């Protein structure tokens, strides 16, 4: 083979390899996770739950939202397909489930400016 054909073949095989790896992850390269927050809004007609931080989740089964109401603190297990987050499970959460800042203050004076 001559150099231009070898180069063309090498580039084509390289692109096929890269495309194959990208497609193996599935469409959109989704991800999953868990989020804890209070429900700000529920739209039962659209199976939609919006938390106070603005995160939107959709249920595949309307029965998942049956006992929930606005203001409830919930833990949402979800997957995201690249365009929207779909609820795997949703249920009550307690304040101990929330990670981050502790409600207990550190001793000593605090100055806020």
N, C-alpha and C. Protein backbone atom coordinates (compact mmCIF):
# COMPACT_ATOMS: atom_id res chain seq x y z
N UNK A 1 0.84 -1.19 0.00
CA UNK A 1 0.00 0.00 0.00
C UNK A 1 0.87 1.24 0.00
N UNK A 2 0.34 2.28 -0.58
CA UNK A 2 1.07 3.54 -0.57
C UNK A 2 0.68 4.37 0.65
N UNK A 3 1.40 5.41 0.93
CA UNK A 3 1.23 6.22 2.13
C UNK A 3 -0.17 6.85 2.24
N UNK A 4 -0.72 7.44 1.18
CA UNK A 4 -2.06 8.05 1.32
C UNK A 4 -3.14 7.01 1.69
N UNK A 5 -3.08 5.83 1.10
CA UNK A 5 -4.07 4.79 1.44
C UNK A 5 -3.88 4.32 2.87
N UNK A 6 -2.66 4.15 3.30
CA UNK A 6 -2.39 3.72 4.67
C UNK A 6 -2.90 4.77 5.66
N UNK A 7 -2.64 6.01 5.37
CA UNK A 7 -3.10 7.10 6.23
C UNK A 7 -4.63 7.14 6.29
N UNK A 8 -5.29 7.02 5.14
CA UNK A 8 -6.75 7.02 5.09
C UNK A 8 -7.33 5.86 5.88
N UNK A 9 -6.75 4.68 5.71
CA UNK A 9 -7.23 3.50 6.42
C UNK A 9 -7.02 3.66 7.94
N UNK A 10 -5.89 4.21 8.33
CA UNK A 10 -5.60 4.42 9.75
C UNK A 10 -6.59 5.41 10.37
N UNK A 11 -6.88 6.49 9.68
CA UNK A 11 -7.83 7.48 10.18
C UNK A 11 -9.23 6.88 10.27
N UNK A 12 -9.64 6.13 9.26
CA UNK A 12 -10.97 5.51 9.27
C UNK A 12 -11.11 4.53 10.43
N UNK A 13 -10.09 3.71 10.65
CA UNK A 13 -10.16 2.76 11.76
C UNK A 13 -10.15 3.48 13.11
N UNK A 14 -9.39 4.54 13.22
CA UNK A 14 -9.36 5.33 14.45
C UNK A 14 -10.70 5.97 14.75
N UNK A 15 -11.35 6.53 13.74
CA UNK A 15 -12.67 7.12 13.93
C UNK A 15 -13.71 6.07 14.30
N UNK A 16 -13.62 4.90 13.68
CA UNK A 16 -14.56 3.82 14.00
C UNK A 16 -14.38 3.39 15.46
N UNK A 17 -13.15 3.33 15.92
CA UNK A 17 -12.88 2.95 17.30
C UNK A 17 -13.44 3.99 18.27
N UNK A 18 -13.19 5.26 18.00
CA UNK A 18 -13.69 6.33 18.86
C UNK A 18 -15.22 6.34 18.87
N UNK A 19 -15.86 6.21 17.73
CA UNK A 19 -17.32 6.20 17.65
C UNK A 19 -17.89 4.99 18.38
N UNK A 20 -17.24 3.86 18.29
CA UNK A 20 -17.72 2.66 18.98
C UNK A 20 -17.67 2.82 20.49
N UNK A 21 -16.61 3.41 21.01
CA UNK A 21 -16.50 3.64 22.45
C UNK A 21 -17.56 4.64 22.90
N UNK A 22 -17.78 5.69 22.14
CA UNK A 22 -18.78 6.69 22.50
C UNK A 22 -20.18 6.10 22.50
N UNK A 23 -20.49 5.25 21.55
CA UNK A 23 -21.83 4.65 21.47
C UNK A 23 -22.02 3.57 22.53
N UNK A 24 -20.96 2.96 23.02
CA UNK A 24 -21.09 1.91 24.03
C UNK A 24 -21.66 2.45 25.33
N UNK A 25 -21.47 3.74 25.58
CA UNK A 25 -22.00 4.36 26.78
C UNK A 25 -23.50 4.59 26.68
N UNK A 26 -24.06 4.47 25.50
CA UNK A 26 -25.49 4.67 25.30
C UNK A 26 -25.77 6.08 24.84
N UNK A 27 -27.00 6.31 24.40
CA UNK A 27 -27.34 7.64 23.90
C UNK A 27 -27.34 8.67 25.01
N UNK A 28 -26.72 9.80 24.75
CA UNK A 28 -26.73 10.89 25.71
C UNK A 28 -25.73 10.75 26.83
N UNK A 29 -25.09 9.60 26.98
CA UNK A 29 -24.12 9.44 28.06
C UNK A 29 -24.72 9.77 29.41
N UNK A 30 -25.82 9.16 29.76
CA UNK A 30 -26.54 9.47 31.00
C UNK A 30 -25.77 9.14 32.25
N UNK A 31 -26.36 9.48 33.37
CA UNK A 31 -25.77 9.23 34.68
C UNK A 31 -26.90 9.02 35.67
N UNK A 32 -26.58 8.68 36.86
CA UNK A 32 -27.57 8.49 37.90
C UNK A 32 -27.07 9.07 39.21
N UNK A 33 -27.97 9.14 40.17
CA UNK A 33 -27.57 9.68 41.46
C UNK A 33 -28.72 9.71 42.43
N UNK A 34 -28.47 10.36 43.55
CA UNK A 34 -29.49 10.55 44.57
C UNK A 34 -29.47 12.01 44.98
N UNK A 35 -30.65 12.52 45.28
CA UNK A 35 -30.75 13.89 45.74
C UNK A 35 -31.77 13.95 46.87
N UNK A 36 -31.48 14.77 47.84
CA UNK A 36 -32.39 14.98 48.97
C UNK A 36 -32.80 16.44 48.97
N UNK A 37 -34.10 16.68 49.11
CA UNK A 37 -34.58 18.04 49.15
C UNK A 37 -36.07 18.09 49.43
N UNK A 38 -36.56 19.28 49.62
CA UNK A 38 -37.99 19.48 49.87
C UNK A 38 -38.70 19.67 48.53
N UNK A 39 -39.91 19.16 48.45
CA UNK A 39 -40.70 19.29 47.22
C UNK A 39 -41.29 20.70 47.16
N UNK A 40 -40.97 21.41 46.09
CA UNK A 40 -41.53 22.74 45.87
C UNK A 40 -42.82 22.66 45.07
N UNK A 41 -42.88 21.70 44.12
CA UNK A 41 -44.02 21.65 43.20
C UNK A 41 -44.22 20.22 42.72
N UNK A 42 -45.47 19.80 42.63
CA UNK A 42 -45.82 18.49 42.05
C UNK A 42 -46.87 18.72 40.97
N UNK A 43 -46.64 18.16 39.79
CA UNK A 43 -47.64 18.17 38.72
C UNK A 43 -47.96 16.71 38.43
N UNK A 44 -49.05 16.23 38.98
CA UNK A 44 -49.42 14.82 38.85
C UNK A 44 -49.81 14.46 37.43
N UNK A 45 -50.34 15.40 36.66
CA UNK A 45 -50.71 15.13 35.27
C UNK A 45 -49.48 14.83 34.42
N UNK A 46 -48.36 15.47 34.75
CA UNK A 46 -47.11 15.27 34.00
C UNK A 46 -46.14 14.36 34.73
N UNK A 47 -46.55 13.83 35.91
CA UNK A 47 -45.66 13.00 36.74
C UNK A 47 -44.36 13.73 37.05
N UNK A 48 -44.46 14.99 37.39
CA UNK A 48 -43.31 15.87 37.59
C UNK A 48 -43.19 16.29 39.04
N UNK A 49 -41.97 16.22 39.56
CA UNK A 49 -41.65 16.71 40.90
C UNK A 49 -40.51 17.70 40.76
N UNK A 50 -40.65 18.87 41.38
CA UNK A 50 -39.60 19.88 41.38
C UNK A 50 -39.21 20.13 42.83
N UNK A 51 -37.92 20.03 43.12
CA UNK A 51 -37.42 20.29 44.46
C UNK A 51 -37.13 21.78 44.62
N UNK A 52 -36.90 22.22 45.85
CA UNK A 52 -36.69 23.64 46.12
C UNK A 52 -35.44 24.19 45.45
N UNK A 53 -34.46 23.32 45.13
CA UNK A 53 -33.26 23.79 44.44
C UNK A 53 -33.45 23.87 42.92
N UNK A 54 -34.67 23.55 42.45
CA UNK A 54 -34.98 23.64 41.02
C UNK A 54 -34.79 22.34 40.26
N UNK A 55 -34.29 21.30 40.90
CA UNK A 55 -34.09 20.01 40.23
C UNK A 55 -35.46 19.42 39.87
N UNK A 56 -35.60 18.97 38.61
CA UNK A 56 -36.84 18.39 38.13
C UNK A 56 -36.67 16.90 37.91
N UNK A 57 -37.68 16.14 38.34
CA UNK A 57 -37.66 14.69 38.18
C UNK A 57 -39.02 14.24 37.66
N UNK A 58 -38.99 13.24 36.77
CA UNK A 58 -40.23 12.68 36.23
C UNK A 58 -40.38 11.24 36.67
N UNK A 59 -41.60 10.87 37.04
CA UNK A 59 -41.90 9.50 37.45
C UNK A 59 -42.43 8.72 36.24
N UNK A 60 -42.05 7.47 36.13
CA UNK A 60 -42.57 6.63 35.06
C UNK A 60 -43.92 6.03 35.45
N UNK A 61 -44.20 6.00 36.73
CA UNK A 61 -45.45 5.45 37.25
C UNK A 61 -46.09 6.49 38.17
N UNK A 62 -47.30 6.95 37.89
CA UNK A 62 -47.92 7.99 38.72
C UNK A 62 -48.12 7.56 40.17
N UNK A 63 -48.16 6.27 40.44
CA UNK A 63 -48.33 5.79 41.82
C UNK A 63 -47.13 6.15 42.70
N UNK A 64 -45.97 6.41 42.07
CA UNK A 64 -44.77 6.80 42.84
C UNK A 64 -45.00 8.11 43.59
N UNK A 65 -45.89 8.95 43.08
CA UNK A 65 -46.11 10.28 43.66
C UNK A 65 -47.35 10.31 44.54
N UNK A 66 -48.00 9.18 44.72
CA UNK A 66 -49.29 9.10 45.40
C UNK A 66 -49.35 9.74 46.77
N UNK A 67 -48.40 9.47 47.64
CA UNK A 67 -48.46 9.95 49.02
C UNK A 67 -47.63 11.21 49.26
N UNK A 68 -47.10 11.81 48.22
CA UNK A 68 -46.23 12.97 48.37
C UNK A 68 -47.03 14.26 48.29
N UNK A 69 -46.52 15.28 48.98
CA UNK A 69 -47.15 16.60 48.90
C UNK A 69 -46.06 17.67 48.94
N UNK A 70 -46.41 18.86 48.50
CA UNK A 70 -45.46 19.97 48.50
C UNK A 70 -45.00 20.24 49.94
N UNK A 71 -43.70 20.45 50.09
CA UNK A 71 -43.11 20.69 51.39
C UNK A 71 -42.47 19.45 52.01
N UNK A 72 -42.81 18.25 51.50
CA UNK A 72 -42.21 17.02 52.02
C UNK A 72 -40.72 16.98 51.73
N UNK A 73 -39.94 16.51 52.70
CA UNK A 73 -38.51 16.28 52.51
C UNK A 73 -38.37 14.86 51.96
N UNK A 74 -37.76 14.73 50.77
CA UNK A 74 -37.68 13.43 50.10
C UNK A 74 -36.26 13.11 49.66
N UNK A 75 -36.03 11.82 49.48
CA UNK A 75 -34.79 11.33 48.90
C UNK A 75 -35.16 10.72 47.55
N UNK A 76 -34.55 11.22 46.48
CA UNK A 76 -34.86 10.78 45.12
C UNK A 76 -33.67 10.03 44.56
N UNK A 77 -33.90 8.80 44.13
CA UNK A 77 -32.91 8.04 43.39
C UNK A 77 -33.31 8.15 41.92
N UNK A 78 -32.39 8.59 41.07
CA UNK A 78 -32.77 8.88 39.68
C UNK A 78 -31.69 8.49 38.69
N UNK A 79 -32.09 8.43 37.43
CA UNK A 79 -31.15 8.30 36.32
C UNK A 79 -31.45 9.45 35.36
N UNK A 80 -30.42 9.93 34.70
CA UNK A 80 -30.58 11.00 33.73
C UNK A 80 -30.11 10.49 32.39
N UNK A 81 -30.95 10.65 31.38
CA UNK A 81 -30.62 10.14 30.04
C UNK A 81 -29.96 11.20 29.17
N UNK A 82 -29.56 12.29 29.77
CA UNK A 82 -28.93 13.37 29.01
C UNK A 82 -29.88 14.53 28.78
N UNK A 83 -31.19 14.28 28.85
CA UNK A 83 -32.14 15.37 28.65
C UNK A 83 -33.07 15.57 29.84
N UNK A 84 -33.33 14.50 30.60
CA UNK A 84 -34.19 14.64 31.78
C UNK A 84 -33.89 13.57 32.81
N UNK A 85 -34.27 13.86 34.05
CA UNK A 85 -34.03 12.94 35.16
C UNK A 85 -35.30 12.14 35.43
N UNK A 86 -35.16 10.82 35.47
CA UNK A 86 -36.28 9.92 35.69
C UNK A 86 -36.13 9.27 37.06
N UNK A 87 -37.20 9.27 37.82
CA UNK A 87 -37.19 8.73 39.18
C UNK A 87 -37.15 7.21 39.16
N UNK A 88 -36.17 6.65 39.86
CA UNK A 88 -36.15 5.20 40.11
C UNK A 88 -36.94 4.89 41.38
N UNK A 89 -36.73 5.71 42.41
CA UNK A 89 -37.48 5.60 43.66
C UNK A 89 -37.49 6.96 44.34
N UNK A 90 -38.54 7.18 45.11
CA UNK A 90 -38.67 8.43 45.85
C UNK A 90 -39.38 8.10 47.16
N UNK A 91 -38.87 8.67 48.24
CA UNK A 91 -39.47 8.40 49.53
C UNK A 91 -39.07 9.45 50.54
N UNK A 92 -39.66 9.37 51.73
CA UNK A 92 -39.36 10.36 52.76
C UNK A 92 -37.89 10.33 53.18
N UNK A 93 -37.39 11.48 53.51
CA UNK A 93 -36.03 11.61 54.05
C UNK A 93 -36.13 12.37 55.36
N UNK A 94 -35.15 12.17 56.21
CA UNK A 94 -35.14 12.93 57.46
C UNK A 94 -33.98 13.91 57.42
N UNK A 95 -33.97 14.84 58.34
CA UNK A 95 -32.94 15.89 58.37
C UNK A 95 -31.55 15.30 58.53
N UNK A 96 -31.43 14.12 59.15
CA UNK A 96 -30.11 13.49 59.33
C UNK A 96 -29.54 12.99 58.00
N UNK A 97 -30.38 12.86 56.98
CA UNK A 97 -29.93 12.38 55.68
C UNK A 97 -29.18 13.44 54.89
N UNK A 98 -29.38 14.69 55.24
CA UNK A 98 -28.78 15.79 54.49
C UNK A 98 -27.32 15.95 54.87
N UNK A 99 -26.45 15.93 53.86
CA UNK A 99 -25.03 16.15 54.10
C UNK A 99 -24.71 17.61 53.88
N UNK A 100 -23.62 18.04 54.42
CA UNK A 100 -23.22 19.43 54.25
C UNK A 100 -23.10 20.11 55.59
N UNK A 101 -23.57 21.35 55.66
CA UNK A 101 -23.44 22.14 56.88
C UNK A 101 -24.24 21.53 58.01
N UNK A 102 -23.65 21.56 59.17
CA UNK A 102 -24.31 21.04 60.37
C UNK A 102 -25.14 22.14 61.00
N UNK A 103 -26.32 21.80 61.53
CA UNK A 103 -27.13 22.84 62.18
C UNK A 103 -26.56 23.29 63.51
N UNK A 104 -25.54 22.61 64.01
CA UNK A 104 -24.92 22.97 65.27
C UNK A 104 -23.86 24.04 65.03
N UNK A 105 -23.91 25.12 65.78
CA UNK A 105 -22.98 26.22 65.61
C UNK A 105 -21.66 25.91 66.32
N UNK A 106 -20.58 26.43 65.78
CA UNK A 106 -19.28 26.30 66.43
C UNK A 106 -19.20 27.30 67.57
N UNK A 107 -18.50 26.95 68.66
CA UNK A 107 -18.39 27.88 69.78
C UNK A 107 -17.56 29.10 69.41
N UNK A 108 -17.81 30.18 70.12
CA UNK A 108 -17.05 31.40 69.92
C UNK A 108 -17.84 32.45 69.17
N UNK A 109 -17.32 33.66 69.14
CA UNK A 109 -18.03 34.75 68.47
C UNK A 109 -18.03 34.57 66.94
N UNK A 110 -19.10 35.00 66.34
CA UNK A 110 -19.22 34.95 64.88
C UNK A 110 -19.50 36.36 64.38
N UNK A 111 -18.75 36.79 63.40
CA UNK A 111 -18.93 38.11 62.84
C UNK A 111 -19.32 37.96 61.38
N UNK A 112 -20.44 38.51 61.03
CA UNK A 112 -20.92 38.46 59.66
C UNK A 112 -20.92 39.88 59.12
N UNK A 113 -20.25 40.06 58.03
CA UNK A 113 -20.11 41.42 57.53
C UNK A 113 -20.67 41.65 56.26
